[in-house]
C-alpha atoms as a PDB file:
ATOM      1  CA  MET A   1      -0.134   0.124  -0.403  1.00  0.00           C
ATOM      2  CA  THR A   2       1.199   3.308  -1.023  1.00  0.00           C
ATOM      3  CA  ALA A   3       1.109   6.056   1.927  1.00  0.00           C
ATOM      4  CA  ARG A   4      -0.522   9.064   0.465  1.00  0.00           C
ATOM      5  CA  VAL A   5      -0.900  12.925   2.009  1.00  0.00           C
ATOM      6  CA  PRO A   6      -3.784  15.477   1.544  1.00  0.00           C
ATOM      7  CA  LEU A   7      -4.269  18.174  -0.763  1.00  0.00           C
ATOM      8  CA  ALA A   8      -1.924  21.571  -0.514  1.00  0.00           C
ATOM      9  CA  ALA A   9      -5.207  22.806   1.567  1.00  0.00           C
ATOM     10  CA  ALA A  10      -5.530  20.118   3.896  1.00  0.00           C
ATOM     11  CA  PHE A  11      -1.296  21.135   4.984  1.00  0.00           C
ATOM     12  CA  ALA A  12      -2.135  24.939   4.840  1.00  0.00           C
ATOM     13  CA  ALA A  13      -4.557  24.217   7.691  1.00  0.00           C
ATOM     14  CA  ALA A  14      -2.341  22.396   9.499  1.00  0.00           C
ATOM     15  CA  LEU A  15       0.433  24.776   9.505  1.00  0.00           C
ATOM     16  CA  LEU A  16      -2.781  27.557  10.557  1.00  0.00           C
ATOM     17  CA  LEU A  17      -2.470  25.578  13.576  1.00  0.00           C
ATOM     18  CA  ALA A  18       0.794  26.479  14.595  1.00  0.00           C
ATOM     19  CA  GLY A  19       2.436  22.809  14.975  1.00  0.00           C
ATOM     20  CA  CYS A  20       5.088  22.272  18.351  1.00  0.00           C
ATOM     21  CA  SER A  21       3.265  24.868  20.632  1.00  0.00           C
ATOM     22  CA  PRO A  22       4.645  25.289  24.683  1.00  0.00           C
ATOM     23  CA  SER A  23       4.379  21.989  25.872  1.00  0.00           C
ATOM     24  CA  GLU A  24       3.341  24.074  29.466  1.00  0.00           C
ATOM     25  CA  GLY A  25       0.395  26.053  27.656  1.00  0.00           C
ATOM     26  CA  ALA A  26      -2.947  24.558  29.300  1.00  0.00           C
ATOM     27  CA  TRP A  27      -5.441  22.943  27.000  1.00  0.00           C
ATOM     28  CA  LEU A  28      -8.502  21.405  27.576  1.00  0.00           C
ATOM     29  CA  LEU A  29      -7.770  18.328  25.283  1.00  0.00           C
ATOM     30  CA  GLU A  30     -10.091  17.042  22.767  1.00  0.00           C
ATOM     31  CA  ARG A  31     -11.371  14.090  23.491  1.00  0.00           C
ATOM     32  CA  ASP A  32     -11.337  11.210  20.638  1.00  0.00           C
ATOM     33  CA  TYR A  33      -7.695  10.906  19.927  1.00  0.00           C
ATOM     34  CA  PRO A  34      -6.474   7.644  18.568  1.00  0.00           C
ATOM     35  CA  PRO A  35      -4.382   5.208  19.718  1.00  0.00           C
ATOM     36  CA  ALA A  36      -1.186   5.010  19.327  1.00  0.00           C
ATOM     37  CA  PRO A  37       0.474   3.572  16.083  1.00  0.00           C
ATOM     38  CA  HIS A  38       2.640   0.828  16.085  1.00  0.00           C
ATOM     39  CA  GLN A  39       6.329   2.279  16.614  1.00  0.00           C
ATOM     40  CA  GLN A  40       8.553   0.911  14.308  1.00  0.00           C
ATOM     41  CA  LEU A  41      12.323   0.946  13.750  1.00  0.00           C
ATOM     42  CA  PRO A  42      14.385   0.628  10.706  1.00  0.00           C
ATOM     43  CA  GLU A  43      14.955  -2.763  10.185  1.00  0.00           C
ATOM     44  CA  ALA A  44      18.633  -2.354   9.529  1.00  0.00           C
ATOM     45  CA  ALA A  45      21.473   0.024  10.557  1.00  0.00           C
ATOM     46  CA  ALA A  46      24.117   1.276   7.831  1.00  0.00           C
ATOM     47  CA  GLU A  47      26.537  -1.440   7.696  1.00  0.00           C
ATOM     48  CA  GLY A  48      29.341  -0.803  10.391  1.00  0.00           C
ATOM     49  CA  ALA A  49      27.080   2.127  12.406  1.00  0.00           C
ATOM     50  CA  THR A  50      27.243   2.414  15.716  1.00  0.00           C
ATOM     51  CA  VAL A  51      24.137   4.124  16.829  1.00  0.00           C
ATOM     52  CA  THR A  52      26.221   6.908  18.759  1.00  0.00           C
ATOM     53  CA  ASP A  53      26.440  10.894  18.808  1.00  0.00           C
ATOM     54  CA  SER A  54      28.936  10.875  17.276  1.00  0.00           C
ATOM     55  CA  VAL A  55      27.461   9.659  13.694  1.00  0.00           C
ATOM     56  CA  PRO A  56      25.246  11.824  12.304  1.00  0.00           C
ATOM     57  CA  LEU A  57      21.473  10.952  11.252  1.00  0.00           C
ATOM     58  CA  ALA A  58      21.491  10.170   7.977  1.00  0.00           C
ATOM     59  CA  ASP A  59      24.363   7.514   7.958  1.00  0.00           C
ATOM     60  CA  LEU A  60      22.763   5.146  10.690  1.00  0.00           C
ATOM     61  CA  ALA A  61      20.208   3.936   8.475  1.00  0.00           C
ATOM     62  CA  GLY A  62      21.259   1.341   5.463  1.00  0.00           C
ATOM     63  CA  GLN A  63      20.878   2.360   2.323  1.00  0.00           C
ATOM     64  CA  ALA A  64      18.883  -0.858   1.154  1.00  0.00           C
ATOM     65  CA  TRP A  65      16.237   0.091   3.834  1.00  0.00           C
ATOM     66  CA  LEU A  66      16.161   3.140   2.477  1.00  0.00           C
ATOM     67  CA  GLN A  67      15.515   2.458  -0.752  1.00  0.00           C
ATOM     68  CA  GLU A  68      12.899  -0.442  -0.019  1.00  0.00           C
ATOM     69  CA  VAL A  69      11.084   2.062   1.833  1.00  0.00           C
ATOM     70  CA  SER A  70      11.070   5.095   0.363  1.00  0.00           C
ATOM     71  CA  GLU A  71       9.967   3.009  -2.639  1.00  0.00           C
ATOM     72  CA  ARG A  72       7.017   2.260  -1.354  1.00  0.00           C
ATOM     73  CA  THR A  73       6.252   4.958   0.854  1.00  0.00           C
ATOM     74  CA  GLU A  74       7.076   7.539  -1.936  1.00  0.00           C
ATOM     75  CA  ILE A  75       9.136   9.157   0.973  1.00  0.00           C
ATOM     76  CA  PRO A  76      12.126  11.007  -0.124  1.00  0.00           C
ATOM     77  CA  VAL A  77      15.229   9.151   0.708  1.00  0.00           C
ATOM     78  CA  ARG A  78      16.776  12.249   2.792  1.00  0.00           C
ATOM     79  CA  ALA A  79      13.855  12.815   4.675  1.00  0.00           C
ATOM     80  CA  LEU A  80      13.090   9.226   5.373  1.00  0.00           C
ATOM     81  CA  ALA A  81      17.146   9.111   6.308  1.00  0.00           C
ATOM     82  CA  ALA A  82      16.220  11.504   9.078  1.00  0.00           C
ATOM     83  CA  TYR A  83      13.546   9.977  10.605  1.00  0.00           C
ATOM     84  CA  ALA A  84      14.675   6.770  10.395  1.00  0.00           C
ATOM     85  CA  GLY A  85      17.949   8.113  11.800  1.00  0.00           C
ATOM     86  CA  ALA A  86      16.490   9.279  14.699  1.00  0.00           C
ATOM     87  CA  SER A  87      14.625   6.476  15.964  1.00  0.00           C
ATOM     88  CA  LEU A  88      17.319   4.538  15.665  1.00  0.00           C
ATOM     89  CA  ARG A  89      19.318   7.628  18.026  1.00  0.00           C
ATOM     90  CA  VAL A  90      16.569   8.110  20.587  1.00  0.00           C
ATOM     91  CA  ALA A  91      15.998   3.949  20.542  1.00  0.00           C
ATOM     92  CA  GLU A  92      19.730   4.189  21.918  1.00  0.00           C
ATOM     93  CA  THR A  93      19.897   7.231  24.181  1.00  0.00           C
ATOM     94  CA  GLN A  94      15.434   7.071  25.357  1.00  0.00           C
ATOM     95  CA  PRO A  95      14.656   3.073  24.993  1.00  0.00           C
ATOM     96  CA  GLU A  96      11.966   3.858  27.316  1.00  0.00           C
ATOM     97  CA  CYS A  97      10.767   6.368  24.708  1.00  0.00           C
ATOM     98  CA  GLY A  98       9.836   3.719  22.081  1.00  0.00           C
ATOM     99  CA  LEU A  99       9.474   6.119  19.154  1.00  0.00           C
ATOM    100  CA  GLY A 100       9.716   4.797  15.115  1.00  0.00           C
ATOM    101  CA  TRP A 101      10.502   6.879  12.427  1.00  0.00           C
ATOM    102  CA  ASN A 102       6.724   6.214  11.218  1.00  0.00           C
ATOM    103  CA  THR A 103       5.663   8.513  13.820  1.00  0.00           C
ATOM    104  CA  LEU A 104       8.352  10.843  12.835  1.00  0.00           C
ATOM    105  CA  ALA A 105       7.250  10.308   9.374  1.00  0.00           C
ATOM    106  CA  GLY A 106       3.442  10.655   9.997  1.00  0.00           C
ATOM    107  CA  ILE A 107       4.551  14.266  11.154  1.00  0.00           C
ATOM    108  CA  GLY A 108       6.649  15.092   8.769  1.00  0.00           C
ATOM    109  CA  ALA A 109       4.369  14.557   6.363  1.00  0.00           C
ATOM    110  CA  VAL A 110       1.015  16.541   8.101  1.00  0.00           C
ATOM    111  CA  GLU A 111       3.559  19.725   8.835  1.00  0.00           C
ATOM    112  CA  THR A 112       5.291  20.049   5.415  1.00  0.00           C
ATOM    113  CA  VAL A 113       4.850  16.818   3.373  1.00  0.00           C
ATOM    114  CA  HIS A 114       8.621  16.057   4.117  1.00  0.00           C
ATOM    115  CA  GLY A 115      10.121  19.583   3.845  1.00  0.00           C
ATOM    116  CA  SER A 116       8.445  20.040  -0.089  1.00  0.00           C
ATOM    117  CA  TYR A 117       5.488  21.855   1.297  1.00  0.00           C
ATOM    118  CA  LEU A 118       4.786  24.975  -1.797  1.00  0.00           C
ATOM    119  CA  GLY A 119       8.254  23.457  -3.448  1.00  0.00           C
ATOM    120  CA  ALA A 120      10.966  23.342  -1.334  1.00  0.00           C
ATOM    121  CA  ARG A 121      13.121  20.772  -1.581  1.00  0.00           C
ATOM    122  CA  THR A 122      15.768  18.507   0.784  1.00  0.00           C
ATOM    123  CA  GLU A 123      19.179  19.146  -0.676  1.00  0.00           C
ATOM    124  CA  ALA A 124      21.688  16.369   0.335  1.00  0.00           C
ATOM    125  CA  ASP A 125      23.337  17.824   2.878  1.00  0.00           C
ATOM    126  CA  GLY A 126      19.743  18.410   4.929  1.00  0.00           C
ATOM    127  CA  LEU A 127      19.283  22.035   4.457  1.00  0.00           C
ATOM    128  CA  VAL A 128      15.403  22.840   2.511  1.00  0.00           C
ATOM    129  CA  SER A 129      15.561  24.715   0.584  1.00  0.00           C
ATOM    130  CA  PRO A 130      13.750  27.548   0.593  1.00  0.00           C
ATOM    131  CA  PRO A 131      12.533  27.488   4.651  1.00  0.00           C
ATOM    132  CA  ILE A 132       9.493  26.795   5.053  1.00  0.00           C
ATOM    133  CA  ILE A 133       7.658  29.509   7.150  1.00  0.00           C
ATOM    134  CA  GLY A 134       4.617  28.977   8.807  1.00  0.00           C
ATOM    135  CA  VAL A 135       1.681  32.104   8.839  1.00  0.00           C
ATOM    136  CA  PRO A 136       1.938  34.704  11.615  1.00  0.00           C
ATOM    137  CA  LEU A 137       1.049  33.554  14.971  1.00  0.00           C
ATOM    138  CA  ASP A 138      -1.342  36.795  15.594  1.00  0.00           C
ATOM    139  CA  GLY A 139      -3.901  34.725  17.126  1.00  0.00           C
ATOM    140  CA  SER A 140      -6.657  35.180  13.703  1.00  0.00           C
ATOM    141  CA  GLU A 141      -8.459  32.492  13.501  1.00  0.00           C
ATOM    142  CA  GLY A 142      -7.154  29.249  13.563  1.00  0.00           C
ATOM    143  CA  VAL A 143      -3.765  30.587  15.099  1.00  0.00           C
ATOM    144  CA  MET A 144      -2.398  31.046  18.353  1.00  0.00           C
ATOM    145  CA  GLU A 145      -1.102  34.163  19.357  1.00  0.00           C
ATOM    146  CA  ILE A 146       2.586  34.990  20.041  1.00  0.00           C
ATOM    147  CA  LEU A 147       4.843  37.753  20.292  1.00  0.00           C
ATOM    148  CA  ASP A 148       7.878  37.589  18.556  1.00  0.00           C
ATOM    149  CA  THR A 149      10.136  35.781  20.902  1.00  0.00           C
ATOM    150  CA  ASP A 150      13.787  35.964  18.296  1.00  0.00           C
ATOM    151  CA  ASP A 151      14.424  38.803  16.800  1.00  0.00           C
ATOM    152  CA  GLY A 152      13.081  37.374  13.814  1.00  0.00           C
ATOM    153  CA  GLU A 153      16.130  35.587  13.582  1.00  0.00           C
ATOM    154  CA  LEU A 154      14.363  31.799  12.773  1.00  0.00           C
ATOM    155  CA  ASP A 155      11.602  33.142  11.218  1.00  0.00           C
ATOM    156  CA  ASP A 156      12.138  37.085   9.549  1.00  0.00           C
ATOM    157  CA  ASP A 157       9.198  37.882  11.481  1.00  0.00           C
ATOM    158  CA  THR A 158       9.755  41.046  14.267  1.00  0.00           C
ATOM    159  CA  VAL A 159       6.387  41.327  15.415  1.00  0.00           C
ATOM    160  CA  TRP A 160       4.962  37.624  15.611  1.00  0.00           C
ATOM    161  CA  ASP A 161       6.289  34.119  15.582  1.00  0.00           C
ATOM    162  CA  ARG A 162       5.866  31.371  12.816  1.00  0.00           C
ATOM    163  CA  ALA A 163       6.040  27.698  12.585  1.00  0.00           C
ATOM    164  CA  VAL A 164       9.456  27.138  10.803  1.00  0.00           C
ATOM    165  CA  GLY A 165      10.929  24.563   8.851  1.00  0.00           C
ATOM    166  CA  PRO A 166      10.412  20.890   7.689  1.00  0.00           C
ATOM    167  CA  MET A 167       8.705  20.535  11.393  1.00  0.00           C
ATOM    168  CA  GLN A 168       7.264  22.857  12.204  1.00  0.00           C
ATOM    169  CA  PHE A 169       8.548  24.293  14.818  1.00  0.00           C
ATOM    170  CA  ILE A 170       8.142  27.722  17.131  1.00  0.00           C
ATOM    171  CA  PRO A 171      11.210  29.563  18.229  1.00  0.00           C
ATOM    172  CA  THR A 172      10.452  29.266  22.170  1.00  0.00           C
ATOM    173  CA  THR A 173      10.204  25.674  21.540  1.00  0.00           C
ATOM    174  CA  TRP A 174      13.222  25.152  18.732  1.00  0.00           C
ATOM    175  CA  ALA A 175      15.403  27.361  21.469  1.00  0.00           C
ATOM    176  CA  ARG A 176      14.347  24.999  24.383  1.00  0.00           C
ATOM    177  CA  TYR A 177      14.890  21.160  22.713  1.00  0.00           C
ATOM    178  CA  ALA A 178      16.639  22.180  19.756  1.00  0.00           C
ATOM    179  CA  GLN A 179      19.582  19.348  18.366  1.00  0.00           C
ATOM    180  CA  ASP A 180      22.509  19.017  16.059  1.00  0.00           C
ATOM    181  CA  GLY A 181      21.644  15.862  14.027  1.00  0.00           C
ATOM    182  CA  ASP A 182      23.850  16.130  11.593  1.00  0.00           C
ATOM    183  CA  LEU A 183      26.876  17.252  13.704  1.00  0.00           C
ATOM    184  CA  ASP A 184      27.762  20.752  11.936  1.00  0.00           C
ATOM    185  CA  GLY A 185      28.429  22.918  15.542  1.00  0.00           C
ATOM    186  CA  ARG A 186      24.908  24.224  15.242  1.00  0.00           C
ATOM    187  CA  ALA A 187      21.031  23.660  15.790  1.00  0.00           C
ATOM    188  CA  ASP A 188      19.487  24.910  12.540  1.00  0.00           C
ATOM    189  CA  PRO A 189      15.413  24.144  12.552  1.00  0.00           C
ATOM    190  CA  HIS A 190      15.731  24.447   8.617  1.00  0.00           C
ATOM    191  CA  GLN A 191      18.352  21.372   8.844  1.00  0.00           C
ATOM    192  CA  ILE A 192      16.070  18.147   8.368  1.00  0.00           C
ATOM    193  CA  ASP A 193      18.652  16.075  10.637  1.00  0.00           C
ATOM    194  CA  ASP A 194      18.369  18.855  12.863  1.00  0.00           C
ATOM    195  CA  ALA A 195      14.959  19.300  12.637  1.00  0.00           C
ATOM    196  CA  VAL A 196      13.609  15.412  13.408  1.00  0.00           C
ATOM    197  CA  LEU A 197      16.226  14.866  16.047  1.00  0.00           C
ATOM    198  CA  THR A 198      14.487  17.964  18.194  1.00  0.00           C
ATOM    199  CA  ALA A 199      10.799  16.536  17.485  1.00  0.00           C
ATOM    200  CA  ALA A 200      11.846  13.303  18.126  1.00  0.00           C
ATOM    201  CA  LEU A 201      13.613  14.606  21.843  1.00  0.00           C
ATOM    202  CA  TYR A 202      10.712  16.731  21.880  1.00  0.00           C
ATOM    203  CA  LEU A 203       7.655  13.970  21.817  1.00  0.00           C
ATOM    204  CA  CYS A 204       9.459  11.952  23.915  1.00  0.00           C
ATOM    205  CA  ARG A 205      10.085  13.978  27.179  1.00  0.00           C
ATOM    206  CA  SER A 206       6.448  15.069  26.151  1.00  0.00           C
ATOM    207  CA  GLY A 207       4.812  11.563  25.956  1.00  0.00           C
ATOM    208  CA  GLY A 208       7.243   9.623  28.067  1.00  0.00           C
ATOM    209  CA  ASP A 209       6.618   5.984  26.411  1.00  0.00           C
ATOM    210  CA  VAL A 210       4.954   6.701  23.132  1.00  0.00           C
ATOM    211  CA  THR A 211       4.085   3.285  22.853  1.00  0.00           C
ATOM    212  CA  THR A 212       1.534   3.603  24.941  1.00  0.00           C
ATOM    213  CA  ASP A 213      -2.020   5.480  24.181  1.00  0.00           C
ATOM    214  CA  ASP A 214      -1.851   7.438  26.920  1.00  0.00           C
ATOM    215  CA  GLY A 215       1.688   8.561  26.667  1.00  0.00           C
ATOM    216  CA  TRP A 216       1.243   8.820  22.526  1.00  0.00           C
ATOM    217  CA  THR A 217      -1.366  11.268  22.628  1.00  0.00           C
ATOM    218  CA  ALA A 218      -0.057  13.815  25.604  1.00  0.00           C
ATOM    219  CA  ALA A 219       3.097  13.463  22.572  1.00  0.00           C
ATOM    220  CA  LEU A 220       0.865  14.163  19.566  1.00  0.00           C
ATOM    221  CA  ALA A 221      -1.203  16.919  21.945  1.00  0.00           C
ATOM    222  CA  THR A 222       1.950  19.374  23.021  1.00  0.00           C
ATOM    223  CA  TYR A 223       2.905  19.278  19.143  1.00  0.00           C
ATOM    224  CA  ASN A 224      -0.783  19.710  18.018  1.00  0.00           C
ATOM    225  CA  ARG A 225      -3.480  19.720  19.990  1.00  0.00           C
ATOM    226  CA  SER A 226      -5.896  19.182  17.334  1.00  0.00           C
ATOM    227  CA  ALA A 227      -7.649  15.003  17.680  1.00  0.00           C
ATOM    228  CA  PRO A 228      -8.133  15.497  13.664  1.00  0.00           C
ATOM    229  CA  TYR A 229      -4.526  16.229  13.220  1.00  0.00           C
ATOM    230  CA  ALA A 230      -3.701  12.887  15.383  1.00  0.00           C
ATOM    231  CA  HIS A 231      -6.240  10.959  13.831  1.00  0.00           C
ATOM    232  CA  ARG A 232      -4.096  12.061  10.740  1.00  0.00           C
ATOM    233  CA  VAL A 233      -0.585  11.604  11.853  1.00  0.00           C
ATOM    234  CA  ALA A 234      -1.590   7.629  13.313  1.00  0.00           C
ATOM    235  CA  GLU A 235      -2.800   6.788  10.237  1.00  0.00           C
ATOM    236  CA  LEU A 236       0.202   8.035   8.301  1.00  0.00           C
ATOM    237  CA  ALA A 237       2.163   5.815  10.721  1.00  0.00           C
ATOM    238  CA  GLU A 238       0.150   2.872  10.159  1.00  0.00           C
ATOM    239  CA  SER A 239      -0.111   3.033   6.497  1.00  0.00           C
ATOM    240  CA  TYR A 240       4.089   3.614   6.432  1.00  0.00           C
ATOM    241  CA  ARG A 241       4.735   0.563   8.573  1.00  0.00           C
ATOM    242  CA  ASP A 242       2.045  -1.435   6.393  1.00  0.00           C
ATOM    243  CA  SER A 243       3.470  -0.418   3.221  1.00  0.00           C
END
């Protein structure tokens, strides 16, 4: 089965919901969250690779596995390498979390079509170009109100904050959780390895054991509080796993 994402209008709506809202926000969570999808790790790490923090994420999953899964799911290989690498890294550093590559891919699909929203593409070095920057979080219908917190450094907006990058982080969340997934010495929300590893850490710290329904719901609710959003991520995660 080939997993496909909604039309562009659906992604625009997802961006309006401002993914990665601060976990300390007090929400009355919507009911009807889906059960946790099965969490899956890549079948094999790259030959000779050790899953340590001294190996870039893109070098962790085996090339044969990446090519096969990319062909079946239509997830670009470079994005898939980030999802797979982040799940392998978290399995080593936070085994109690249980986060699979397929949940990260589900989020990446809903947020920015794996870094391809509005014609963007992920380069070989993992940078998404042109940068994906969401709508201003100005309190209009469907969005939160968050005044600028980063002087426009990440989102080029000195009035309002905006969600940025392939995994759509708001600047305050990025500042708190940012990771350097490609080991180039800096954390960049527009670099897919950095963004996906940060998302993985954020989900694990927010949900604990995401193989449980409660843990997965808590993790997804801190990323985006919408129950339809969680259902779409769960559907994609299951379809990627089964494809």
